[in-house]
Amino acid sequence: MAGETTPKRHAYAPDPYNTRSPKRLMNDILVLYYSRNGATRELAQAIAQGVDSVPGMQARVRTVPPVSTVCEATQPDIPTDGPPYAEVRDLEECAGVALGSPTRFGNMAAPLKHFLDGTSPQWLSGALAGKPASVFTSTGSLHGGQETTLLSMMLPLLHHGMLIVGIPYTEPKLTTTQTGGTPYGASHFARAETADSGISADEKALAMALGARLATTALTLQRGA
């Protein structure tokens, strides 16, 4: 219209006509797990290494306390060793999530499910929608429910609107592994009949590859948003 002029702005000033406000990039990937005997914890550490290998990204490792059928049972606010317990704000502050649990009859363990059951506010707000997520597990036997556990852990993540990141067959060790490792996520076969010597070299390599892929995906999604 006559008499109107377009206001001048400096090159560094935000565009007043751009409704998309600049967003600060999140550089943490939450590696959240429950571990009873240590194998899932080892996988979490390998995934964290993979995350840390991606420039500009870092792992935030968290665990959850056990749950008990005894009402009076309590856990200290800070675990005696290992990473701190997760808080829901860890989910909100991270660019992606790697979720891990040993199998319990083909499903995730109760402590991790208990934590996820408390994330309704984040579901209502959409805090996790559009963020990438991965899953990992360990079992005591070869056919002990690895795939069903991994798939069941994906369900709440999908309800949150997260984007599932797996391990593609472009990872050579996924074809050659004689222990754990699946396209659905990282895994460990503990061999219940013998003393578990920890995750194998192939399992560690695949877990690290998953962590790196998750972090790279999170970084790409943020830069393209």
Protein backbone atom coordinates (compact mmCIF):
# COMPACT_ATOMS: atom_id res chain seq x y z
CA MET A 1 0.00 0.00 0.00
CA ALA A 2 1.07 3.59 -0.62
CA GLY A 3 3.01 5.17 2.17
CA GLU A 4 4.16 1.84 3.63
CA THR A 5 7.80 0.86 3.62
CA THR A 6 9.38 -2.45 4.43
CA PRO A 7 11.34 -2.14 7.68
CA LYS A 8 15.07 -2.52 7.31
CA ARG A 9 16.84 -5.14 9.36
CA HIS A 10 20.44 -6.10 9.87
CA ALA A 11 21.73 -9.27 8.26
CA TYR A 12 22.09 -10.92 11.65
CA ALA A 13 18.59 -9.96 12.87
CA PRO A 14 15.84 -12.59 12.85
CA ASP A 15 13.38 -12.34 9.96
CA PRO A 16 10.13 -10.88 11.39
CA TYR A 17 8.13 -12.59 8.66
CA ASN A 18 9.57 -16.04 9.34
CA THR A 19 7.23 -17.91 11.66
CA ARG A 20 9.81 -20.63 12.25
CA SER A 21 11.93 -19.48 15.15
CA PRO A 22 15.55 -20.72 15.20
CA LYS A 23 16.03 -23.85 17.29
CA ARG A 24 19.02 -24.75 19.37
CA LEU A 25 20.46 -28.05 18.27
CA MET A 26 20.32 -30.83 20.84
CA ASN A 27 23.53 -32.82 20.93
CA ASP A 28 22.73 -35.49 23.53
CA ILE A 29 21.49 -38.99 22.77
CA LEU A 30 19.84 -40.62 25.78
CA VAL A 31 21.03 -44.21 26.28
CA LEU A 32 18.45 -45.50 28.73
CA TYR A 33 18.58 -49.06 30.01
CA TYR A 34 17.84 -51.53 32.78
CA SER A 35 20.36 -54.27 33.48
CA ARG A 36 20.23 -57.10 36.02
CA ASN A 37 23.46 -59.01 35.41
CA GLY A 38 25.51 -56.54 33.39
CA ALA A 39 25.11 -57.64 29.76
CA THR A 40 22.58 -54.96 28.81
CA ARG A 41 24.79 -52.42 30.54
CA GLU A 42 27.72 -53.49 28.35
CA LEU A 43 25.60 -53.02 25.24
CA ALA A 44 24.60 -49.57 26.50
CA GLN A 45 28.26 -48.64 26.94
CA ALA A 46 29.07 -49.78 23.39
CA ILE A 47 26.13 -47.82 21.98
CA ALA A 48 27.35 -44.77 23.92
CA GLN A 49 30.78 -45.18 22.32
CA GLY A 50 29.14 -45.19 18.92
CA VAL A 51 27.21 -42.04 19.74
CA ASP A 52 30.35 -40.29 20.98
CA SER A 53 32.15 -41.16 17.72
CA VAL A 54 29.87 -38.79 15.80
CA PRO A 55 31.28 -35.22 15.85
CA GLY A 56 28.98 -32.84 17.67
CA MET A 57 27.03 -35.57 19.47
CA GLN A 58 27.42 -37.15 22.89
CA ALA A 59 25.78 -39.93 24.89
CA ARG A 60 23.81 -39.29 28.07
CA VAL A 61 23.72 -42.70 29.82
CA ARG A 62 20.96 -43.32 32.33
CA THR A 63 19.43 -46.32 34.06
CA VAL A 64 16.25 -47.05 36.05
CA PRO A 65 15.86 -48.53 39.54
CA PRO A 66 14.38 -52.00 40.14
CA VAL A 67 10.72 -52.27 41.03
CA SER A 68 9.38 -54.44 43.85
CA THR A 69 6.12 -56.12 44.77
CA VAL A 70 6.82 -55.06 48.37
CA CYS A 71 5.15 -51.68 48.88
CA GLU A 72 7.66 -50.58 51.50
CA ALA A 73 10.70 -51.31 49.34
CA THR A 74 12.57 -48.17 48.29
CA GLN A 75 15.70 -47.35 46.34
CA PRO A 76 18.17 -44.54 47.05
CA ASP A 77 17.83 -41.46 44.85
CA ILE A 78 21.34 -42.06 43.52
CA PRO A 79 22.52 -45.58 42.58
CA THR A 80 25.52 -46.97 44.43
CA ASP A 81 27.44 -47.36 41.16
CA GLY A 82 27.01 -46.78 37.45
CA PRO A 83 25.07 -43.98 35.74
CA PRO A 84 22.38 -41.94 37.51
CA TYR A 85 18.69 -42.76 37.35
CA ALA A 86 16.77 -41.28 34.46
CA GLU A 87 14.32 -38.42 34.81
CA VAL A 88 11.63 -37.56 32.27
CA ARG A 89 13.46 -34.33 31.49
CA ASP A 90 16.27 -36.47 30.06
CA LEU A 91 13.84 -37.50 27.33
CA GLU A 92 12.87 -33.90 26.63
CA GLU A 93 16.45 -32.64 26.50
CA CYS A 94 17.83 -35.29 24.13
CA ALA A 95 17.85 -35.48 20.35
CA GLY A 96 17.24 -39.23 20.32
CA VAL A 97 16.85 -42.29 22.53
CA ALA A 98 18.41 -45.76 22.69
CA LEU A 99 16.26 -47.99 24.89
CA GLY A 100 17.62 -51.24 26.34
CA SER A 101 16.37 -54.06 28.53
CA PRO A 102 16.98 -57.76 29.15
CA THR A 103 14.11 -59.92 28.00
CA ARG A 104 11.38 -61.00 30.40
CA PHE A 105 9.26 -63.66 28.72
CA GLY A 106 9.66 -61.97 25.36
CA ASN A 107 9.02 -58.49 26.68
CA MET A 108 10.94 -55.65 28.30
CA ALA A 109 11.67 -55.80 32.03
CA ALA A 110 9.20 -54.21 34.46
CA PRO A 111 11.53 -51.40 35.69
CA LEU A 112 11.88 -49.96 32.20
CA LYS A 113 8.16 -50.38 31.47
CA HIS A 114 7.40 -48.64 34.78
CA PHE A 115 9.50 -45.64 33.74
CA LEU A 116 7.85 -45.43 30.32
CA ASP A 117 4.40 -45.65 31.88
CA GLY A 118 5.15 -42.32 33.56
CA THR A 119 5.75 -40.44 30.30
CA SER A 120 2.13 -39.51 29.51
CA PRO A 121 2.89 -35.75 29.84
CA GLN A 122 5.61 -36.09 27.19
CA TRP A 123 3.17 -38.01 24.99
CA LEU A 124 0.52 -35.30 25.38
CA SER A 125 3.00 -32.52 24.59
CA GLY A 126 4.64 -34.38 21.70
CA ALA A 127 8.06 -33.88 23.26
CA LEU A 128 9.49 -36.97 21.55
CA ALA A 129 7.64 -36.76 18.23
CA GLY A 130 10.01 -36.77 15.27
CA LYS A 131 13.06 -37.84 17.27
CA PRO A 132 14.91 -41.05 16.30
CA ALA A 133 15.03 -44.05 18.62
CA SER A 134 16.75 -47.44 18.77
CA VAL A 135 16.37 -50.52 20.96
CA PHE A 136 18.69 -53.20 22.36
CA THR A 137 18.36 -56.33 24.50
CA SER A 138 20.06 -59.43 25.91
CA THR A 139 18.81 -62.97 26.45
CA GLY A 140 20.08 -66.07 28.20
CA SER A 141 19.27 -68.41 25.32
CA LEU A 142 19.52 -68.20 21.54
CA HIS A 143 15.76 -68.25 21.03
CA GLY A 144 14.93 -66.47 24.28
CA GLY A 145 12.79 -63.72 22.79
CA GLN A 146 15.27 -61.20 21.43
CA GLU A 147 13.15 -60.14 18.47
CA THR A 148 9.86 -59.95 20.38
CA THR A 149 11.54 -57.94 23.13
CA LEU A 150 13.01 -55.49 20.64
CA LEU A 151 9.72 -55.15 18.79
CA SER A 152 7.72 -54.69 22.00
CA MET A 153 10.09 -51.92 23.12
CA MET A 154 9.35 -50.11 19.87
CA LEU A 155 5.62 -49.88 20.63
CA PRO A 156 5.69 -47.08 23.25
CA LEU A 157 8.30 -45.26 21.15
CA LEU A 158 5.96 -45.35 18.15
CA HIS A 159 3.12 -44.06 20.33
CA HIS A 160 5.39 -41.13 21.19
CA GLY A 161 5.85 -40.45 17.47
CA MET A 162 9.51 -41.46 17.39
CA LEU A 163 11.32 -42.68 14.27
CA ILE A 164 12.80 -46.16 14.66
CA VAL A 165 16.43 -46.66 13.62
CA GLY A 166 17.69 -50.22 13.23
CA ILE A 167 20.85 -51.90 11.96
CA PRO A 168 20.95 -52.33 8.17
CA TYR A 169 22.56 -55.28 6.43
CA THR A 170 25.14 -52.88 5.06
CA GLU A 171 26.83 -53.66 8.38
CA PRO A 172 28.85 -56.79 7.41
CA LYS A 173 28.91 -58.25 10.93
CA LEU A 174 25.14 -58.50 10.92
CA THR A 175 25.50 -61.32 8.38
CA THR A 176 28.50 -63.03 9.95
CA THR A 177 27.76 -62.80 13.69
CA GLN A 178 27.54 -66.12 15.55
CA THR A 179 26.22 -64.45 18.69
CA GLY A 180 23.83 -61.49 18.99
CA GLY A 181 22.86 -58.77 16.58
CA THR A 182 19.61 -58.20 14.66
CA PRO A 183 18.28 -55.71 12.12
CA TYR A 184 15.77 -54.60 14.76
CA GLY A 185 18.47 -53.51 17.19
CA ALA A 186 21.61 -54.56 19.05
CA SER A 187 21.48 -57.72 21.15
CA HIS A 188 23.52 -60.14 23.25
CA PHE A 189 23.22 -63.91 23.59
CA ALA A 190 24.39 -64.71 27.13
CA ARG A 191 24.43 -68.54 26.94
CA ALA A 192 22.64 -69.32 30.20
CA GLU A 193 24.23 -72.76 30.45
CA THR A 194 27.74 -71.31 30.82
CA ALA A 195 29.34 -68.39 32.63
CA ASP A 196 28.69 -65.30 30.53
CA SER A 197 31.99 -63.74 29.47
CA GLY A 198 30.41 -60.49 28.30
CA ILE A 199 29.38 -59.24 24.91
CA SER A 200 31.25 -60.62 21.90
CA ALA A 201 33.35 -58.58 19.49
CA ASP A 202 30.56 -58.75 16.89
CA GLU A 203 27.92 -57.69 19.39
CA LYS A 204 30.03 -54.74 20.48
CA ALA A 205 30.74 -53.68 16.90
CA LEU A 206 27.04 -53.82 15.98
CA ALA A 207 26.05 -51.90 19.11
CA MET A 208 28.60 -49.20 18.31
CA ALA A 209 27.34 -49.05 14.72
CA LEU A 210 23.78 -48.62 16.01
CA GLY A 211 24.83 -45.80 18.33
CA ALA A 212 26.66 -44.01 15.52
CA ARG A 213 23.72 -44.43 13.14
CA LEU A 214 21.27 -43.13 15.74
CA ALA A 215 23.41 -40.06 16.48
CA THR A 216 23.97 -39.35 12.77
CA THR A 217 20.23 -39.63 12.12
CA ALA A 218 19.42 -37.27 14.99
CA LEU A 219 21.94 -34.72 13.73
CA THR A 220 20.63 -34.94 10.16
CA LEU A 221 17.01 -34.55 11.25
CA GLN A 222 17.81 -31.47 13.32
CA ARG A 223 19.81 -29.77 10.61
CA GLY A 224 17.09 -30.44 8.08
CA ALA A 225 14.27 -29.26 10.36
